């Protein structure tokens, strides 16, 4: 009985090890001669990269709603007119977050006003506030982003701190 059990265990381990070797050895051939690099331009790339100018990473909820606004195709809207040069104002909402974006006829975001509630504060800001205000707790936070195609983005965080019965509101512009 023991030899039969040991034989089955050995046989099972042998199958597993050979299956792993086959997967590790399989490679695909890639011919460099057939490869041609392509560059892809995103229509609202400057808008999506606005956080890079602030040198602070934005919260995921902010990035998601900004991606929706950047991917919006004005030409598919029923009020779109390719014959007239005009701007289009579009509102995006998600829970307590909102973006009001102004597009040109090509679909480029000219400006946007964004408001976000209860966003995650960047680590550098929260650690600096913790050092500056020891013993204070973070109560809530909001973020406003004002984007202009010519000037880039201005990001403002409003953070409410609480300690016992006192509260402070701190505004930081990046």
Protein backbone atom coordinates (compact mmCIF):
# COMPACT_ATOMS: atom_id res chain seq x y z
CA UNK A 1 0.00 0.00 0.00
CA UNK A 2 2.84 2.37 0.89
CA UNK A 3 4.71 1.66 -2.34
CA UNK A 4 1.55 2.18 -4.39
CA UNK A 5 0.89 5.52 -2.68
CA UNK A 6 4.51 6.64 -3.10
CA UNK A 7 4.41 5.58 -6.75
CA UNK A 8 1.29 7.69 -7.40
CA UNK A 9 2.83 10.72 -5.68
CA UNK A 10 6.04 10.34 -7.69
CA UNK A 11 4.10 9.94 -10.93
CA UNK A 12 2.03 13.07 -10.16
CA UNK A 13 5.10 15.17 -9.39
CA UNK A 14 6.85 13.96 -12.54
CA UNK A 15 3.90 15.10 -14.69
CA UNK A 16 3.84 18.54 -13.05
CA UNK A 17 7.54 19.13 -13.52
CA UNK A 18 7.53 18.10 -17.18
CA UNK A 19 4.50 20.30 -17.92
CA UNK A 20 6.27 23.30 -16.44
CA UNK A 21 9.37 22.66 -18.52
CA UNK A 22 7.35 22.54 -21.75
CA UNK A 23 5.76 25.91 -21.00
CA UNK A 24 9.08 27.46 -20.12
CA UNK A 25 10.73 26.22 -23.31
CA UNK A 26 8.07 27.41 -25.74
CA UNK A 27 9.04 30.66 -27.44
CA UNK A 28 7.67 32.60 -30.35
CA UNK A 29 9.73 33.87 -33.22
CA UNK A 30 9.78 37.65 -33.69
CA UNK A 31 11.19 39.02 -36.90
CA UNK A 32 12.59 42.54 -36.49
CA UNK A 33 12.43 43.18 -40.25
CA UNK A 34 8.62 43.12 -40.27
CA UNK A 35 8.28 45.51 -37.33
CA UNK A 36 7.46 49.13 -38.13
CA UNK A 37 7.10 51.49 -35.18
CA UNK A 38 3.98 53.62 -35.06
CA UNK A 39 3.29 56.75 -33.14
CA UNK A 40 -0.18 57.23 -31.79
CA UNK A 41 -1.39 60.66 -30.82
CA UNK A 42 -4.16 61.07 -28.31
CA UNK A 43 -6.48 63.98 -29.04
CA UNK A 44 -6.54 65.34 -25.48
CA UNK A 45 -3.08 64.20 -24.41
CA UNK A 46 -2.20 67.59 -22.90
CA UNK A 47 -5.35 67.43 -20.75
CA UNK A 48 -4.59 63.91 -19.53
CA UNK A 49 -0.99 64.84 -18.71
CA UNK A 50 -1.99 67.93 -16.72
CA UNK A 51 -1.13 66.15 -13.46
CA UNK A 52 2.50 65.90 -14.55
CA UNK A 53 2.89 69.67 -14.42
CA UNK A 54 1.66 69.68 -10.83
CA UNK A 55 4.27 67.05 -9.87
CA UNK A 56 1.68 65.37 -7.63
CA UNK A 57 -0.18 62.21 -8.61
CA UNK A 58 -3.95 62.55 -8.83
CA UNK A 59 -6.38 60.13 -7.19
CA UNK A 60 -7.69 57.22 -9.27
CA UNK A 61 -11.27 58.55 -9.15
CA UNK A 62 -10.06 61.83 -10.68
CA UNK A 63 -8.12 60.06 -13.42
CA UNK A 64 -11.09 57.86 -14.33
CA UNK A 65 -13.49 60.76 -14.81
CA UNK A 66 -10.83 62.76 -16.69
CA UNK A 67 -10.32 59.78 -19.02
CA UNK A 68 -14.07 59.74 -19.76
CA UNK A 69 -13.95 63.47 -20.58
CA UNK A 70 -10.82 63.08 -22.74
CA UNK A 71 -12.32 60.17 -24.70
CA UNK A 72 -15.62 61.95 -25.36
CA UNK A 73 -16.27 62.37 -29.09
CA UNK A 74 -18.08 65.65 -29.77
CA UNK A 75 -18.74 64.72 -33.40
CA UNK A 76 -21.10 61.92 -32.33
CA UNK A 77 -23.31 64.32 -30.36
CA UNK A 78 -26.63 65.23 -32.06
CA UNK A 79 -25.97 68.99 -31.69
CA UNK A 80 -22.60 68.76 -33.47
CA UNK A 81 -22.21 70.84 -36.62
CA UNK A 82 -19.03 70.45 -38.65
CA UNK A 83 -19.90 73.45 -40.82
CA UNK A 84 -19.82 75.96 -37.96
CA UNK A 85 -16.87 76.84 -35.77
CA UNK A 86 -18.34 76.70 -32.29
CA UNK A 87 -17.63 75.36 -28.81
CA UNK A 88 -19.52 72.66 -26.94
CA UNK A 89 -20.04 72.53 -23.18
CA UNK A 90 -20.41 69.02 -21.79
CA UNK A 91 -21.10 68.02 -18.16
CA UNK A 92 -19.84 64.74 -16.71
CA UNK A 93 -21.01 63.48 -13.30
CA UNK A 94 -20.05 60.54 -11.15
CA UNK A 95 -21.32 60.43 -7.57
CA UNK A 96 -20.10 63.69 -5.94
CA UNK A 97 -17.57 64.36 -8.71
CA UNK A 98 -18.20 66.54 -11.75
CA UNK A 99 -16.45 67.94 -14.81
CA UNK A 100 -17.70 70.76 -16.99
CA UNK A 101 -15.58 70.66 -20.15
CA UNK A 102 -15.60 73.01 -23.14
CA UNK A 103 -14.64 71.39 -26.46
CA UNK A 104 -13.82 72.96 -29.81
CA UNK A 105 -15.16 71.58 -33.11
CA UNK A 106 -12.21 69.18 -33.42
CA UNK A 107 -12.94 67.63 -30.01
CA UNK A 108 -10.01 69.21 -28.15
CA UNK A 109 -10.74 70.26 -24.57
CA UNK A 110 -10.23 74.03 -24.38
CA UNK A 111 -11.00 74.34 -20.68
CA UNK A 112 -12.58 72.43 -17.83
CA UNK A 113 -13.79 73.05 -14.32
CA UNK A 114 -13.66 69.96 -12.14
CA UNK A 115 -14.82 69.30 -8.60
CA UNK A 116 -14.11 66.13 -6.60
CA UNK A 117 -15.28 65.21 -3.08
CA UNK A 118 -13.51 62.90 -0.62
CA UNK A 119 -10.48 62.29 -2.80
CA UNK A 120 -7.27 60.69 -1.69
CA UNK A 121 -4.69 63.33 -0.88
CA UNK A 122 -1.22 62.83 -2.42
CA UNK A 123 1.23 61.26 0.03
CA UNK A 124 3.65 64.19 0.02
CA UNK A 125 0.87 66.63 0.95
CA UNK A 126 -0.66 64.42 3.64
CA UNK A 127 2.71 63.67 5.24
CA UNK A 128 3.62 67.38 5.26
CA UNK A 129 0.26 68.26 6.87
CA UNK A 130 0.79 65.54 9.48
CA UNK A 131 4.15 67.11 10.36
CA UNK A 132 2.79 70.67 10.39
CA UNK A 133 -0.33 69.81 12.43
CA UNK A 134 0.57 67.01 14.88
CA UNK A 135 -2.43 65.51 16.67
CA UNK A 136 -4.90 66.71 14.04
CA UNK A 137 -6.97 64.17 12.08
CA UNK A 138 -8.05 64.41 8.44
CA UNK A 139 -11.81 64.94 8.39
CA UNK A 140 -12.52 65.34 4.67
CA UNK A 141 -10.96 66.63 1.49
CA UNK A 142 -12.00 68.05 -1.85
CA UNK A 143 -10.13 68.88 -5.01
CA UNK A 144 -10.83 71.40 -7.75
CA UNK A 145 -9.02 71.34 -11.07
CA UNK A 146 -9.21 74.32 -13.41
CA UNK A 147 -7.73 73.43 -16.78
CA UNK A 148 -7.02 75.83 -19.64
CA UNK A 149 -5.58 74.53 -22.90
CA UNK A 150 -3.12 77.43 -23.02
CA UNK A 151 -2.04 77.47 -19.34
CA UNK A 152 -2.39 73.89 -18.16
CA UNK A 153 -4.07 72.83 -14.93
CA UNK A 154 -4.34 74.50 -11.55
CA UNK A 155 -5.09 71.94 -8.85
CA UNK A 156 -6.43 73.07 -5.47
CA UNK A 157 -6.96 70.79 -2.48
CA UNK A 158 -9.18 71.88 0.42
CA UNK A 159 -8.54 69.70 3.46
CA UNK A 160 -10.46 69.86 6.71
CA UNK A 161 -8.55 68.85 9.84
CA UNK A 162 -10.14 68.08 13.20
CA UNK A 163 -8.77 67.99 16.74
CA UNK A 164 -11.22 67.49 19.62
CA UNK A 165 -13.89 70.20 19.13
CA UNK A 166 -11.81 72.35 16.76
CA UNK A 167 -11.60 72.14 13.00
CA UNK A 168 -9.38 73.85 10.43
CA UNK A 169 -9.79 74.18 6.71
CA UNK A 170 -6.57 74.32 4.70
CA UNK A 171 -6.38 75.23 1.02
CA UNK A 172 -3.34 74.19 -1.05
CA UNK A 173 -2.88 75.22 -4.68
CA UNK A 174 -0.46 73.26 -6.84
